[in-house]
Amino acid sequence: MGYRRRDTGPRLALWMLVALGDIVLLLIAAGLSAPVAVLGVLTLTIAGVAAWRWMRRTPVPASARRRA
């Protein structure tokens, strides 16, 4: 019923930010310096988002788009 007005854009949820912060804290506790830990998590996050966006751009065959 409410599918027409649903916003389907990508959103960075609060729990994702908390998870990224937890990863940084775990890396710092493991002995990495804070800038290295933040830079590593940031790099992996950017690479993940880029891969996700790239996968969404690949064309899908028309036969796969058909509804059941």
C-alpha atoms as a PDB file:
ATOM      1  CA  MET A   1       0.000   0.000   0.000  1.00  0.00           C
ATOM      2  CA  GLY A   2       2.615   2.545   0.949  1.00  0.00           C
ATOM      3  CA  TYR A   3       5.208   1.531  -1.621  1.00  0.00           C
ATOM      4  CA  ARG A   4       4.910   4.609  -3.843  1.00  0.00           C
ATOM      5  CA  ARG A   5       6.140   7.102  -1.311  1.00  0.00           C
ATOM      6  CA  ARG A   6       8.695   4.909   0.401  1.00  0.00           C
ATOM      7  CA  ASP A   7      12.181   6.402   0.290  1.00  0.00           C
ATOM      8  CA  THR A   8      14.515   3.656  -0.922  1.00  0.00           C
ATOM      9  CA  GLY A   9      17.725   5.700  -0.975  1.00  0.00           C
ATOM     10  CA  PRO A  10      20.752   4.369   0.864  1.00  0.00           C
ATOM     11  CA  ARG A  11      21.016   5.483   4.475  1.00  0.00           C
ATOM     12  CA  LEU A  12      23.787   5.046   6.989  1.00  0.00           C
ATOM     13  CA  ALA A  13      21.916   3.727   9.985  1.00  0.00           C
ATOM     14  CA  LEU A  14      22.876   4.605  13.524  1.00  0.00           C
ATOM     15  CA  TRP A  15      23.708   0.978  14.289  1.00  0.00           C
ATOM     16  CA  MET A  16      26.225   0.990  11.425  1.00  0.00           C
ATOM     17  CA  LEU A  17      27.992   3.991  12.931  1.00  0.00           C
ATOM     18  CA  VAL A  18      28.044   2.285  16.320  1.00  0.00           C
ATOM     19  CA  ALA A  19      29.461  -0.889  14.760  1.00  0.00           C
ATOM     20  CA  LEU A  20      32.203   1.088  13.001  1.00  0.00           C
ATOM     21  CA  GLY A  21      33.066   2.823  16.270  1.00  0.00           C
ATOM     22  CA  ASP A  22      33.251  -0.535  18.036  1.00  0.00           C
ATOM     23  CA  ILE A  23      35.616  -1.859  15.390  1.00  0.00           C
ATOM     24  CA  VAL A  24      37.870   1.180  15.834  1.00  0.00           C
ATOM     25  CA  LEU A  25      37.914   0.687  19.605  1.00  0.00           C
ATOM     26  CA  LEU A  26      38.730  -3.016  19.220  1.00  0.00           C
ATOM     27  CA  LEU A  27      41.600  -2.226  16.864  1.00  0.00           C
ATOM     28  CA  ILE A  28      42.953   0.363  19.295  1.00  0.00           C
ATOM     29  CA  ALA A  29      42.690  -2.161  22.135  1.00  0.00           C
ATOM     30  CA  ALA A  30      44.575  -4.665  19.974  1.00  0.00           C
ATOM     31  CA  GLY A  31      47.538  -2.307  19.821  1.00  0.00           C
ATOM     32  CA  LEU A  32      47.010  -0.208  16.702  1.00  0.00           C
ATOM     33  CA  SER A  33      47.303   3.533  16.990  1.00  0.00           C
ATOM     34  CA  ALA A  34      44.060   5.481  16.776  1.00  0.00           C
ATOM     35  CA  PRO A  35      44.757   7.209  13.412  1.00  0.00           C
ATOM     36  CA  VAL A  36      45.732   3.896  11.810  1.00  0.00           C
ATOM     37  CA  ALA A  37      42.592   2.194  13.136  1.00  0.00           C
ATOM     38  CA  VAL A  38      40.319   5.012  11.952  1.00  0.00           C
ATOM     39  CA  LEU A  39      42.016   5.138   8.559  1.00  0.00           C
ATOM     40  CA  GLY A  40      41.693   1.371   8.130  1.00  0.00           C
ATOM     41  CA  VAL A  41      38.000   1.299   8.998  1.00  0.00           C
ATOM     42  CA  LEU A  42      37.340   4.343   6.802  1.00  0.00           C
ATOM     43  CA  THR A  43      39.144   2.743   3.867  1.00  0.00           C
ATOM     44  CA  LEU A  44      37.208  -0.515   4.208  1.00  0.00           C
ATOM     45  CA  THR A  45      33.909   1.356   4.529  1.00  0.00           C
ATOM     46  CA  ILE A  46      34.554   3.450   1.417  1.00  0.00           C
ATOM     47  CA  ALA A  47      35.629   0.363  -0.538  1.00  0.00           C
ATOM     48  CA  GLY A  48      32.491  -1.485   0.572  1.00  0.00           C
ATOM     49  CA  VAL A  49      30.180   1.355  -0.426  1.00  0.00           C
ATOM     50  CA  ALA A  50      31.949   1.716  -3.786  1.00  0.00           C
ATOM     51  CA  ALA A  51      31.615  -2.015  -4.469  1.00  0.00           C
ATOM     52  CA  TRP A  52      27.941  -1.962  -3.472  1.00  0.00           C
ATOM     53  CA  ARG A  53      27.229   0.981  -5.774  1.00  0.00           C
ATOM     54  CA  TRP A  54      29.165  -0.643  -8.609  1.00  0.00           C
ATOM     55  CA  MET A  55      27.191  -3.868  -8.239  1.00  0.00           C
ATOM     56  CA  ARG A  56      23.923  -1.938  -8.443  1.00  0.00           C
ATOM     57  CA  ARG A  57      24.990  -0.392 -11.767  1.00  0.00           C
ATOM     58  CA  THR A  58      25.623  -3.662 -13.557  1.00  0.00           C
ATOM     59  CA  PRO A  59      22.831  -4.371 -16.024  1.00  0.00           C
ATOM     60  CA  VAL A  60      20.381  -7.105 -15.138  1.00  0.00           C
ATOM     61  CA  PRO A  61      19.008  -9.294 -17.949  1.00  0.00           C
ATOM     62  CA  ALA A  62      15.374  -8.593 -18.818  1.00  0.00           C
ATOM     63  CA  SER A  63      14.410 -12.183 -18.023  1.00  0.00           C
ATOM     64  CA  ALA A  64      15.627 -11.751 -14.436  1.00  0.00           C
ATOM     65  CA  ARG A  65      13.538  -8.594 -13.965  1.00  0.00           C
ATOM     66  CA  ARG A  66      10.259 -10.327 -14.691  1.00  0.00           C
ATOM     67  CA  ARG A  67       7.884 -10.697 -11.740  1.00  0.00           C
ATOM     68  CA  ALA A  68       6.589 -14.097 -10.771  1.00  0.00           C
END
